[in-house]
């Protein structure tokens, strides 16, 4: 009888130990799976955010005559939608900087050319590109 009790006790202890070990391994796997899902969601939102600006950045870089504010004005709704979707993924401690970068960018009137001076056009094009780049830098931070 004593050997049966000992065997039963060892069986119960083994089962409890197995359940405990399985629980902790599963908990770790679930946490890793959630981190992978979060990373994939961030990467998707970041790619969409970057893509939303690509066409306009190329247009501003290549155009020697088109005024940046017209390019941005025509795309601002697309950019705003991408910003709203991506903002969710910006780290809490970076959100205020992201919002400031957005406010610095979104006023497309600041890119308007006041004269026919080609240097002013060049400077405004660079200013617009710099503001876009400041926003897109947040894709590298999460």
Protein backbone atom coordinates (compact mmCIF):
# COMPACT_ATOMS: atom_id res chain seq x y z
CA UNK A 1 0.00 0.00 0.00
CA UNK A 2 2.79 2.42 0.82
CA UNK A 3 4.31 2.01 -2.62
CA UNK A 4 0.94 2.76 -4.26
CA UNK A 5 0.57 5.95 -2.23
CA UNK A 6 4.09 6.98 -3.14
CA UNK A 7 3.43 6.28 -6.84
CA UNK A 8 0.16 8.23 -6.69
CA UNK A 9 1.83 11.11 -4.88
CA UNK A 10 4.63 11.20 -7.48
CA UNK A 11 2.03 11.12 -10.27
CA UNK A 12 0.13 14.05 -8.77
CA UNK A 13 3.35 16.00 -8.13
CA UNK A 14 4.51 15.32 -11.69
CA UNK A 15 1.18 16.46 -13.08
CA UNK A 16 1.23 19.65 -11.01
CA UNK A 17 4.83 20.31 -12.04
CA UNK A 18 3.95 19.71 -15.68
CA UNK A 19 0.96 22.04 -15.52
CA UNK A 20 3.06 24.72 -13.83
CA UNK A 21 5.85 24.41 -16.39
CA UNK A 22 3.35 24.34 -19.29
CA UNK A 23 1.61 27.43 -17.98
CA UNK A 24 4.82 29.45 -17.81
CA UNK A 25 6.06 28.27 -21.19
CA UNK A 26 2.69 29.10 -22.74
CA UNK A 27 2.64 32.50 -21.02
CA UNK A 28 6.07 33.29 -22.49
CA UNK A 29 4.98 32.10 -25.95
CA UNK A 30 1.83 34.23 -25.79
CA UNK A 31 3.85 37.30 -24.82
CA UNK A 32 6.28 36.70 -27.68
CA UNK A 33 3.38 36.18 -30.08
CA UNK A 34 1.77 39.45 -28.98
CA UNK A 35 5.08 41.29 -29.42
CA UNK A 36 5.37 39.85 -32.94
CA UNK A 37 1.83 40.97 -33.78
CA UNK A 38 2.54 44.44 -32.38
CA UNK A 39 5.76 44.68 -34.42
CA UNK A 40 3.96 43.57 -37.59
CA UNK A 41 1.18 46.12 -37.00
CA UNK A 42 3.74 48.88 -36.46
CA UNK A 43 5.66 47.90 -39.58
CA UNK A 44 2.48 47.93 -41.68
CA UNK A 45 1.38 51.34 -40.36
CA UNK A 46 4.91 52.73 -40.79
CA UNK A 47 5.09 51.50 -44.39
CA UNK A 48 1.68 53.02 -45.18
CA UNK A 49 2.74 56.30 -43.56
CA UNK A 50 5.93 56.47 -45.63
CA UNK A 51 4.14 55.48 -48.82
CA UNK A 52 1.57 58.24 -48.34
CA UNK A 53 4.33 60.85 -48.69
CA UNK A 54 6.46 59.25 -51.40
CA UNK A 55 4.74 60.67 -54.48
CA UNK A 56 4.76 64.23 -53.15
CA UNK A 57 8.35 64.04 -51.96
CA UNK A 58 9.45 62.90 -55.41
CA UNK A 59 7.39 65.65 -57.06
CA UNK A 60 8.90 68.33 -54.81
CA UNK A 61 12.44 66.99 -55.27
CA UNK A 62 12.19 66.80 -59.07
CA UNK A 63 10.08 69.81 -59.93
CA UNK A 64 11.88 73.02 -60.72
CA UNK A 65 8.69 74.95 -61.41
CA UNK A 66 5.83 73.48 -59.37
CA UNK A 67 5.23 75.30 -56.09
CA UNK A 68 5.46 73.03 -53.00
CA UNK A 69 2.32 74.40 -51.38
CA UNK A 70 0.22 73.28 -54.39
CA UNK A 71 1.66 69.78 -54.23
CA UNK A 72 1.07 69.51 -50.48
CA UNK A 73 -2.36 71.17 -50.61
CA UNK A 74 -3.52 68.51 -53.10
CA UNK A 75 -2.25 65.70 -50.87
CA UNK A 76 -2.91 67.01 -47.37
CA UNK A 77 -6.04 64.88 -46.82
CA UNK A 78 -4.13 61.71 -47.78
CA UNK A 79 -1.26 62.72 -45.49
CA UNK A 80 -3.61 63.55 -42.61
CA UNK A 81 -5.34 60.15 -42.89
CA UNK A 82 -1.96 58.38 -42.88
CA UNK A 83 -0.87 60.46 -39.90
CA UNK A 84 -4.00 59.56 -37.92
CA UNK A 85 -3.51 55.84 -38.59
CA UNK A 86 0.21 55.93 -37.77
CA UNK A 87 -0.05 58.19 -34.68
CA UNK A 88 -1.52 55.28 -32.72
CA UNK A 89 1.85 53.49 -33.00
CA UNK A 90 4.03 56.42 -31.92
CA UNK A 91 5.50 55.85 -28.47
CA UNK A 92 3.77 57.81 -25.69
CA UNK A 93 6.89 59.77 -24.85
CA UNK A 94 7.25 60.81 -28.52
CA UNK A 95 3.63 61.73 -29.27
CA UNK A 96 4.00 65.43 -28.43
CA UNK A 97 7.07 65.66 -30.69
CA UNK A 98 5.19 63.85 -33.43
CA UNK A 99 2.24 66.22 -33.07
CA UNK A 100 4.59 69.21 -33.24
CA UNK A 101 6.24 67.81 -36.38
CA UNK A 102 2.79 67.36 -37.91
CA UNK A 103 1.74 70.93 -37.04
CA UNK A 104 5.01 72.22 -38.53
CA UNK A 105 4.26 70.32 -41.73
CA UNK A 106 0.52 70.62 -42.27
CA UNK A 107 0.22 74.38 -42.90
CA UNK A 108 0.84 74.19 -46.64
CA UNK A 109 0.53 77.98 -47.00
CA UNK A 110 3.99 78.31 -45.46
CA UNK A 111 5.41 76.73 -48.62
CA UNK A 112 3.88 79.38 -50.90
CA UNK A 113 6.32 81.32 -53.07
CA UNK A 114 6.15 85.10 -52.63
CA UNK A 115 8.30 86.05 -55.62
CA UNK A 116 9.70 84.73 -58.88
CA UNK A 117 13.09 84.22 -57.28
CA UNK A 118 14.36 80.70 -58.07
CA UNK A 119 16.29 80.69 -54.80
CA UNK A 120 13.06 81.17 -52.86
CA UNK A 121 11.48 78.24 -54.72
CA UNK A 122 14.53 76.10 -53.95
CA UNK A 123 14.43 77.11 -50.27
CA UNK A 124 10.68 76.42 -49.96
CA UNK A 125 11.10 73.04 -51.65
CA UNK A 126 13.84 72.14 -49.17
CA UNK A 127 11.75 73.45 -46.25
CA UNK A 128 8.84 71.22 -47.31
CA UNK A 129 11.11 68.20 -47.73
CA UNK A 130 12.71 68.82 -44.34
CA UNK A 131 9.29 68.96 -42.66
CA UNK A 132 8.24 65.72 -44.39
CA UNK A 133 11.50 64.05 -43.36
CA UNK A 134 10.99 65.17 -39.74
CA UNK A 135 7.63 63.39 -39.76
CA UNK A 136 8.94 60.28 -41.44
CA UNK A 137 11.76 60.03 -38.90
CA UNK A 138 9.15 58.75 -36.44
CA UNK A 139 8.88 55.58 -38.52
CA UNK A 140 12.35 54.70 -37.20
CA UNK A 141 11.27 55.20 -33.57
CA UNK A 142 8.73 53.03 -31.84
